[in-house]
Amino acid sequence: MILEKFNFRLILNKLKKGEISKGTKEKLQNMGSVVSMNPVVNEYLQAEARFGMLWEDIMKILNDSIGINLSLGNEK
């Protein structure tokens, strides 16, 4: 629940200001360090990151194949 609230505030901050404050970045890094110490959570986060990359690859393949941008504005 705490991570969800923090993530929500992070997104709102980025939408309002277009960037993330230094203090917020530090909090995020500290949280990441603590969370990564838990092997189960760390494994989950790594799997989620791999899935995200896979999903981006699938969207790119579909976009290239049918010529419709399916990225919903998440293009890099």
N, C-alpha and C. Protein backbone atom coordinates (compact mmCIF):
# COMPACT_ATOMS: atom_id res chain seq x y z
N MET A 1 0.82 -1.19 0.00
CA MET A 1 0.00 0.00 0.00
C MET A 1 0.86 1.26 0.00
N ILE A 2 1.94 1.25 0.76
CA ILE A 2 2.83 2.41 0.82
C ILE A 2 3.48 2.64 -0.55
N LEU A 3 3.92 1.55 -1.19
CA LEU A 3 4.54 1.67 -2.51
C LEU A 3 3.54 2.20 -3.54
N GLU A 4 2.28 1.77 -3.44
CA GLU A 4 1.26 2.25 -4.38
C GLU A 4 1.05 3.75 -4.23
N LYS A 5 0.97 4.24 -2.98
CA LYS A 5 0.79 5.68 -2.75
C LYS A 5 2.00 6.45 -3.25
N PHE A 6 3.20 5.92 -2.99
CA PHE A 6 4.42 6.58 -3.44
C PHE A 6 4.47 6.62 -4.96
N ASN A 7 4.13 5.51 -5.60
CA ASN A 7 4.14 5.44 -7.05
C ASN A 7 3.14 6.43 -7.64
N PHE A 8 1.96 6.54 -7.02
CA PHE A 8 0.94 7.47 -7.49
C PHE A 8 1.44 8.90 -7.38
N ARG A 9 2.07 9.24 -6.24
CA ARG A 9 2.61 10.59 -6.07
C ARG A 9 3.72 10.86 -7.08
N LEU A 10 4.53 9.85 -7.35
CA LEU A 10 5.62 9.98 -8.31
C LEU A 10 5.07 10.30 -9.70
N ILE A 11 4.05 9.58 -10.10
CA ILE A 11 3.44 9.81 -11.41
C ILE A 11 2.82 11.20 -11.48
N LEU A 12 2.08 11.60 -10.45
CA LEU A 12 1.48 12.93 -10.43
C LEU A 12 2.54 14.02 -10.51
N ASN A 13 3.61 13.86 -9.76
CA ASN A 13 4.70 14.83 -9.77
C ASN A 13 5.30 14.95 -11.16
N LYS A 14 5.51 13.82 -11.80
CA LYS A 14 6.10 13.83 -13.14
C LYS A 14 5.15 14.49 -14.14
N LEU A 15 3.85 14.22 -14.02
CA LEU A 15 2.88 14.83 -14.92
C LEU A 15 2.80 16.33 -14.73
N LYS A 16 2.84 16.79 -13.49
CA LYS A 16 2.73 18.22 -13.20
C LYS A 16 3.98 18.98 -13.61
N LYS A 17 5.13 18.46 -13.24
CA LYS A 17 6.38 19.20 -13.42
C LYS A 17 7.22 18.72 -14.60
N GLY A 18 6.90 17.54 -15.13
CA GLY A 18 7.68 17.01 -16.24
C GLY A 18 8.97 16.35 -15.82
N GLU A 19 9.23 16.33 -14.52
CA GLU A 19 10.44 15.68 -14.02
C GLU A 19 10.21 15.21 -12.59
N ILE A 20 11.15 14.45 -12.10
CA ILE A 20 11.06 13.92 -10.74
C ILE A 20 12.08 14.67 -9.89
N SER A 21 11.66 15.12 -8.72
CA SER A 21 12.55 15.89 -7.85
C SER A 21 13.70 15.02 -7.34
N LYS A 22 14.77 15.69 -6.93
CA LYS A 22 15.93 14.98 -6.40
C LYS A 22 15.57 14.18 -5.15
N GLY A 23 14.76 14.77 -4.27
CA GLY A 23 14.34 14.09 -3.05
C GLY A 23 13.54 12.83 -3.36
N THR A 24 12.67 12.93 -4.35
CA THR A 24 11.85 11.78 -4.75
C THR A 24 12.73 10.69 -5.33
N LYS A 25 13.71 11.07 -6.13
CA LYS A 25 14.64 10.09 -6.71
C LYS A 25 15.40 9.35 -5.60
N GLU A 26 15.84 10.11 -4.59
CA GLU A 26 16.58 9.50 -3.48
C GLU A 26 15.69 8.52 -2.71
N LYS A 27 14.44 8.92 -2.45
CA LYS A 27 13.50 8.03 -1.76
C LYS A 27 13.29 6.75 -2.57
N LEU A 28 13.14 6.91 -3.87
CA LEU A 28 12.92 5.77 -4.74
C LEU A 28 14.13 4.83 -4.73
N GLN A 29 15.33 5.40 -4.76
CA GLN A 29 16.54 4.58 -4.73
C GLN A 29 16.66 3.84 -3.40
N ASN A 30 16.35 4.54 -2.30
CA ASN A 30 16.41 3.90 -0.98
C ASN A 30 15.39 2.78 -0.89
N MET A 31 14.19 3.03 -1.38
CA MET A 31 13.16 1.99 -1.37
C MET A 31 13.59 0.80 -2.21
N GLY A 32 14.19 1.08 -3.35
CA GLY A 32 14.66 0.01 -4.22
C GLY A 32 15.71 -0.84 -3.55
N SER A 33 16.60 -0.21 -2.79
CA SER A 33 17.64 -0.95 -2.08
C SER A 33 17.03 -1.88 -1.03
N VAL A 34 16.07 -1.38 -0.29
CA VAL A 34 15.43 -2.18 0.75
C VAL A 34 14.64 -3.32 0.14
N VAL A 35 13.87 -3.01 -0.90
CA VAL A 35 13.03 -4.03 -1.54
C VAL A 35 13.89 -5.12 -2.18
N SER A 36 15.00 -4.73 -2.79
CA SER A 36 15.83 -5.72 -3.49
C SER A 36 16.51 -6.69 -2.53
N MET A 37 16.53 -6.38 -1.24
CA MET A 37 17.11 -7.31 -0.27
C MET A 37 16.24 -8.54 -0.05
N ASN A 38 14.97 -8.44 -0.37
CA ASN A 38 14.06 -9.56 -0.25
C ASN A 38 14.15 -10.38 -1.53
N PRO A 39 14.65 -11.61 -1.47
CA PRO A 39 14.87 -12.39 -2.69
C PRO A 39 13.58 -12.65 -3.50
N VAL A 40 12.47 -12.86 -2.82
CA VAL A 40 11.21 -13.13 -3.53
C VAL A 40 10.77 -11.88 -4.28
N VAL A 41 10.83 -10.73 -3.61
CA VAL A 41 10.43 -9.47 -4.24
C VAL A 41 11.38 -9.13 -5.38
N ASN A 42 12.66 -9.35 -5.16
CA ASN A 42 13.66 -9.08 -6.19
C ASN A 42 13.40 -9.94 -7.43
N GLU A 43 13.11 -11.20 -7.22
CA GLU A 43 12.81 -12.10 -8.34
C GLU A 43 11.56 -11.64 -9.09
N TYR A 44 10.54 -11.22 -8.35
CA TYR A 44 9.31 -10.73 -8.97
C TYR A 44 9.60 -9.49 -9.82
N LEU A 45 10.37 -8.54 -9.28
CA LEU A 45 10.67 -7.31 -10.01
C LEU A 45 11.47 -7.59 -11.29
N GLN A 46 12.39 -8.55 -11.20
CA GLN A 46 13.16 -8.92 -12.39
C GLN A 46 12.24 -9.55 -13.45
N ALA A 47 11.33 -10.40 -13.00
CA ALA A 47 10.38 -11.03 -13.94
C ALA A 47 9.48 -9.98 -14.56
N GLU A 48 9.05 -9.01 -13.76
CA GLU A 48 8.19 -7.94 -14.28
C GLU A 48 8.94 -7.11 -15.33
N ALA A 49 10.21 -6.83 -15.09
CA ALA A 49 11.03 -6.08 -16.04
C ALA A 49 11.19 -6.85 -17.35
N ARG A 50 11.44 -8.17 -17.23
CA ARG A 50 11.57 -9.00 -18.45
C ARG A 50 10.26 -9.02 -19.22
N PHE A 51 9.14 -9.12 -18.51
CA PHE A 51 7.84 -9.11 -19.17
C PHE A 51 7.61 -7.78 -19.89
N GLY A 52 8.00 -6.69 -19.24
CA GLY A 52 7.85 -5.37 -19.86
C GLY A 52 8.62 -5.26 -21.17
N MET A 53 9.83 -5.79 -21.17
CA MET A 53 10.63 -5.76 -22.40
C MET A 53 9.99 -6.65 -23.47
N LEU A 54 9.49 -7.80 -23.08
CA LEU A 54 8.82 -8.70 -24.01
C LEU A 54 7.59 -8.02 -24.60
N TRP A 55 6.81 -7.37 -23.75
CA TRP A 55 5.59 -6.69 -24.21
C TRP A 55 5.94 -5.58 -25.21
N GLU A 56 6.99 -4.81 -24.93
CA GLU A 56 7.42 -3.77 -25.86
C GLU A 56 7.83 -4.36 -27.20
N ASP A 57 8.53 -5.49 -27.17
CA ASP A 57 8.92 -6.15 -28.41
C ASP A 57 7.70 -6.61 -29.20
N ILE A 58 6.72 -7.16 -28.52
CA ILE A 58 5.49 -7.62 -29.19
C ILE A 58 4.77 -6.43 -29.82
N MET A 59 4.66 -5.33 -29.09
CA MET A 59 3.99 -4.14 -29.63
C MET A 59 4.73 -3.59 -30.84
N LYS A 60 6.06 -3.62 -30.81
CA LYS A 60 6.84 -3.14 -31.95
C LYS A 60 6.62 -4.02 -33.16
N ILE A 61 6.61 -5.34 -32.95
CA ILE A 61 6.38 -6.28 -34.06
C ILE A 61 5.00 -6.05 -34.66
N LEU A 62 3.99 -5.91 -33.82
CA LEU A 62 2.63 -5.65 -34.32
C LEU A 62 2.56 -4.32 -35.05
N ASN A 63 3.19 -3.30 -34.49
CA ASN A 63 3.19 -1.99 -35.13
C ASN A 63 3.86 -2.05 -36.50
N ASP A 64 5.00 -2.72 -36.57
CA ASP A 64 5.71 -2.83 -37.85
C ASP A 64 4.93 -3.67 -38.86
N SER A 65 4.18 -4.65 -38.37
CA SER A 65 3.46 -5.55 -39.26
C SER A 65 2.19 -4.93 -39.83
N ILE A 66 1.44 -4.24 -38.98
CA ILE A 66 0.15 -3.72 -39.45
C ILE A 66 0.15 -2.20 -39.62
N GLY A 67 1.22 -1.55 -39.22
CA GLY A 67 1.35 -0.12 -39.45
C GLY A 67 0.48 0.75 -38.56
N ILE A 68 0.05 0.23 -37.44
CA ILE A 68 -0.75 1.00 -36.50
C ILE A 68 0.05 1.13 -35.21
N ASN A 69 0.14 2.36 -34.71
CA ASN A 69 0.90 2.58 -33.48
C ASN A 69 0.06 2.11 -32.29
N LEU A 70 0.51 1.04 -31.64
CA LEU A 70 -0.20 0.46 -30.50
C LEU A 70 0.48 0.82 -29.18
N SER A 71 1.42 1.75 -29.18
CA SER A 71 2.21 2.03 -28.00
C SER A 71 1.48 2.86 -26.95
N LEU A 72 0.36 3.46 -27.28
CA LEU A 72 -0.40 4.30 -26.36
C LEU A 72 0.45 5.42 -25.76
N GLY A 73 1.33 5.97 -26.58
CA GLY A 73 2.15 7.09 -26.13
C GLY A 73 3.34 6.70 -25.30
N ASN A 74 3.66 5.43 -25.20
CA ASN A 74 4.79 4.98 -24.39
C ASN A 74 6.03 4.74 -25.21
N GLU A 75 6.08 5.27 -26.42
CA GLU A 75 7.23 5.04 -27.28
C GLU A 75 8.46 5.71 -26.72
N LYS A 76 9.61 5.07 -26.91
CA LYS A 76 10.88 5.64 -26.45
C LYS A 76 11.47 6.48 -27.55
